[in-house]
Amino acid sequence: MSDPVEVPIEDEGIRLGQFLKLANLIDSGSEAKTVIANGLVRVNDEVELRRGRQLVVGDVVTLAGRRAIVSV
């Protein structure tokens, strides 16, 4: 698995669905809904099924072997 790519956010937190798009792990919001509902997304090595999950700096999101870390 690759090293996580740092993806800066402007606020203190961001929703998982928004972050997936910002990190270029998906192409659209509807794709976020699908990959999350199918259990394909992990946050800090745990499957996450909530698209609205609030991420904070330091959280690591994994999808299809690609990882992104929330940074400032």
N, C-alpha and C. Protein backbone atom coordinates (compact mmCIF):
# COMPACT_ATOMS: atom_id res chain seq x y z
N MET A 1 0.84 -1.18 0.00
CA MET A 1 0.00 0.00 0.00
C MET A 1 0.89 1.24 0.00
N SER A 2 0.44 2.25 -0.73
CA SER A 2 1.24 3.46 -0.87
C SER A 2 1.21 4.33 0.38
N ASP A 3 2.20 5.19 0.49
CA ASP A 3 2.20 6.17 1.58
C ASP A 3 1.03 7.12 1.35
N PRO A 4 0.42 7.62 2.44
CA PRO A 4 -0.72 8.52 2.26
C PRO A 4 -0.30 9.86 1.67
N VAL A 5 -1.16 10.38 0.81
CA VAL A 5 -0.96 11.71 0.23
C VAL A 5 -1.59 12.71 1.19
N GLU A 6 -0.89 13.78 1.51
CA GLU A 6 -1.46 14.81 2.39
C GLU A 6 -2.42 15.68 1.60
N VAL A 7 -3.63 15.84 2.15
CA VAL A 7 -4.64 16.66 1.51
C VAL A 7 -5.07 17.74 2.50
N PRO A 8 -4.66 18.99 2.26
CA PRO A 8 -5.00 20.07 3.19
C PRO A 8 -6.47 20.46 3.11
N ILE A 9 -7.04 20.79 4.28
CA ILE A 9 -8.40 21.31 4.34
C ILE A 9 -8.34 22.69 4.95
N GLU A 10 -9.38 23.48 4.69
CA GLU A 10 -9.38 24.87 5.17
C GLU A 10 -10.00 25.03 6.55
N ASP A 11 -10.92 24.13 6.92
CA ASP A 11 -11.59 24.24 8.21
C ASP A 11 -11.02 23.20 9.17
N GLU A 12 -11.63 23.13 10.36
CA GLU A 12 -11.14 22.16 11.36
C GLU A 12 -11.55 20.74 11.01
N GLY A 13 -12.60 20.60 10.22
CA GLY A 13 -13.06 19.27 9.85
C GLY A 13 -13.69 19.29 8.47
N ILE A 14 -13.94 18.09 7.93
CA ILE A 14 -14.55 17.94 6.62
C ILE A 14 -15.31 16.62 6.61
N ARG A 15 -16.42 16.58 5.88
CA ARG A 15 -17.19 15.34 5.79
C ARG A 15 -16.47 14.35 4.88
N LEU A 16 -16.63 13.07 5.18
CA LEU A 16 -15.95 12.02 4.43
C LEU A 16 -16.24 12.11 2.94
N GLY A 17 -17.51 12.26 2.57
CA GLY A 17 -17.87 12.33 1.15
C GLY A 17 -17.16 13.46 0.44
N GLN A 18 -17.08 14.62 1.08
CA GLN A 18 -16.40 15.78 0.50
C GLN A 18 -14.90 15.52 0.38
N PHE A 19 -14.34 14.88 1.40
CA PHE A 19 -12.90 14.63 1.41
C PHE A 19 -12.49 13.67 0.30
N LEU A 20 -13.30 12.65 0.07
CA LEU A 20 -12.98 11.69 -0.99
C LEU A 20 -12.82 12.40 -2.34
N LYS A 21 -13.71 13.35 -2.59
CA LYS A 21 -13.64 14.10 -3.84
C LYS A 21 -12.44 15.05 -3.84
N LEU A 22 -12.24 15.77 -2.74
CA LEU A 22 -11.11 16.70 -2.62
C LEU A 22 -9.78 15.97 -2.82
N ALA A 23 -9.68 14.76 -2.32
CA ALA A 23 -8.44 13.99 -2.41
C ALA A 23 -8.30 13.26 -3.75
N ASN A 24 -9.27 13.47 -4.64
CA ASN A 24 -9.27 12.82 -5.96
C ASN A 24 -9.30 11.30 -5.87
N LEU A 25 -9.93 10.78 -4.82
CA LEU A 25 -10.09 9.33 -4.70
C LEU A 25 -11.32 8.87 -5.46
N ILE A 26 -12.24 9.80 -5.74
CA ILE A 26 -13.45 9.53 -6.51
C ILE A 26 -13.69 10.70 -7.45
N ASP A 27 -14.65 10.53 -8.39
CA ASP A 27 -14.94 11.57 -9.36
C ASP A 27 -16.18 12.40 -9.01
N SER A 28 -17.12 11.82 -8.26
CA SER A 28 -18.37 12.55 -8.01
C SER A 28 -18.95 12.21 -6.64
N GLY A 29 -19.87 13.05 -6.20
CA GLY A 29 -20.55 12.81 -4.93
C GLY A 29 -21.35 11.53 -4.94
N SER A 30 -21.96 11.22 -6.09
CA SER A 30 -22.74 9.98 -6.16
C SER A 30 -21.84 8.75 -6.04
N GLU A 31 -20.62 8.86 -6.55
CA GLU A 31 -19.66 7.77 -6.41
C GLU A 31 -19.28 7.60 -4.94
N ALA A 32 -19.17 8.71 -4.20
CA ALA A 32 -18.86 8.65 -2.76
C ALA A 32 -19.92 7.83 -2.05
N LYS A 33 -21.17 8.12 -2.34
CA LYS A 33 -22.29 7.41 -1.70
C LYS A 33 -22.16 5.90 -1.94
N THR A 34 -21.85 5.53 -3.17
CA THR A 34 -21.75 4.11 -3.54
C THR A 34 -20.59 3.40 -2.85
N VAL A 35 -19.39 3.98 -2.93
CA VAL A 35 -18.22 3.29 -2.35
C VAL A 35 -18.33 3.21 -0.83
N ILE A 36 -18.91 4.23 -0.20
CA ILE A 36 -19.08 4.20 1.26
C ILE A 36 -20.13 3.17 1.64
N ALA A 37 -21.27 3.17 0.95
CA ALA A 37 -22.35 2.21 1.25
C ALA A 37 -21.89 0.77 1.05
N ASN A 38 -20.98 0.55 0.11
CA ASN A 38 -20.48 -0.80 -0.17
C ASN A 38 -19.34 -1.21 0.76
N GLY A 39 -18.99 -0.36 1.73
CA GLY A 39 -17.96 -0.71 2.70
C GLY A 39 -16.55 -0.70 2.15
N LEU A 40 -16.32 0.08 1.10
CA LEU A 40 -15.01 0.11 0.46
C LEU A 40 -14.08 1.17 1.03
N VAL A 41 -14.61 2.03 1.90
CA VAL A 41 -13.81 3.13 2.45
C VAL A 41 -13.46 2.83 3.90
N ARG A 42 -12.19 3.06 4.23
CA ARG A 42 -11.73 2.88 5.61
C ARG A 42 -11.21 4.21 6.13
N VAL A 43 -11.53 4.51 7.37
CA VAL A 43 -10.99 5.68 8.05
C VAL A 43 -10.20 5.16 9.25
N ASN A 44 -8.92 5.47 9.28
CA ASN A 44 -8.04 4.99 10.36
C ASN A 44 -8.14 3.47 10.52
N ASP A 45 -8.13 2.78 9.38
CA ASP A 45 -8.15 1.31 9.30
C ASP A 45 -9.45 0.66 9.77
N GLU A 46 -10.54 1.42 9.84
CA GLU A 46 -11.84 0.85 10.17
C GLU A 46 -12.82 1.20 9.07
N VAL A 47 -13.64 0.22 8.65
CA VAL A 47 -14.65 0.47 7.62
C VAL A 47 -15.59 1.56 8.11
N GLU A 48 -15.86 2.53 7.25
CA GLU A 48 -16.76 3.64 7.60
C GLU A 48 -17.92 3.66 6.62
N LEU A 49 -19.14 3.61 7.15
CA LEU A 49 -20.34 3.57 6.32
C LEU A 49 -21.12 4.87 6.34
N ARG A 50 -20.61 5.88 7.03
CA ARG A 50 -21.32 7.17 7.13
C ARG A 50 -20.65 8.21 6.24
N ARG A 51 -21.36 8.64 5.21
CA ARG A 51 -20.82 9.63 4.29
C ARG A 51 -20.57 10.97 5.00
N GLY A 52 -21.38 11.24 6.03
CA GLY A 52 -21.26 12.50 6.75
C GLY A 52 -20.27 12.47 7.90
N ARG A 53 -19.53 11.38 8.03
CA ARG A 53 -18.53 11.27 9.09
C ARG A 53 -17.59 12.47 9.04
N GLN A 54 -17.43 13.15 10.19
CA GLN A 54 -16.54 14.31 10.25
C GLN A 54 -15.10 13.83 10.41
N LEU A 55 -14.25 14.25 9.49
CA LEU A 55 -12.83 13.93 9.58
C LEU A 55 -12.10 15.12 10.17
N VAL A 56 -11.03 14.83 10.87
CA VAL A 56 -10.19 15.89 11.45
C VAL A 56 -8.75 15.66 11.01
N VAL A 57 -7.91 16.65 11.22
CA VAL A 57 -6.50 16.56 10.84
C VAL A 57 -5.88 15.30 11.45
N GLY A 58 -5.19 14.54 10.63
CA GLY A 58 -4.53 13.32 11.08
C GLY A 58 -5.28 12.05 10.69
N ASP A 59 -6.58 12.17 10.34
CA ASP A 59 -7.33 10.99 9.91
C ASP A 59 -6.78 10.50 8.57
N VAL A 60 -6.71 9.17 8.42
CA VAL A 60 -6.23 8.56 7.19
C VAL A 60 -7.39 7.82 6.53
N VAL A 61 -7.65 8.17 5.28
CA VAL A 61 -8.75 7.58 4.51
C VAL A 61 -8.15 6.67 3.44
N THR A 62 -8.68 5.45 3.34
CA THR A 62 -8.18 4.48 2.36
C THR A 62 -9.31 4.03 1.45
N LEU A 63 -9.03 4.00 0.15
CA LEU A 63 -9.97 3.50 -0.85
C LEU A 63 -9.18 2.86 -1.97
N ALA A 64 -9.46 1.60 -2.24
CA ALA A 64 -8.82 0.88 -3.36
C ALA A 64 -7.30 0.95 -3.30
N GLY A 65 -6.73 0.81 -2.09
CA GLY A 65 -5.29 0.79 -1.95
C GLY A 65 -4.63 2.16 -1.97
N ARG A 66 -5.42 3.20 -2.17
CA ARG A 66 -4.89 4.57 -2.16
C ARG A 66 -5.26 5.21 -0.83
N ARG A 67 -4.29 5.94 -0.25
CA ARG A 67 -4.51 6.55 1.06
C ARG A 67 -4.30 8.04 1.01
N ALA A 68 -5.13 8.76 1.77
CA ALA A 68 -4.99 10.20 1.88
C ALA A 68 -5.13 10.57 3.34
N ILE A 69 -4.31 11.52 3.79
CA ILE A 69 -4.36 11.96 5.17
C ILE A 69 -4.84 13.42 5.22
N VAL A 70 -5.73 13.68 6.16
CA VAL A 70 -6.24 15.04 6.33
C VAL A 70 -5.15 15.89 6.98
N SER A 71 -4.81 17.01 6.33
CA SER A 71 -3.78 17.90 6.88
C SER A 71 -4.25 19.35 6.81
N VAL A 72 -3.44 20.24 7.36
CA VAL A 72 -3.77 21.68 7.34
C VAL A 72 -2.97 22.39 6.29
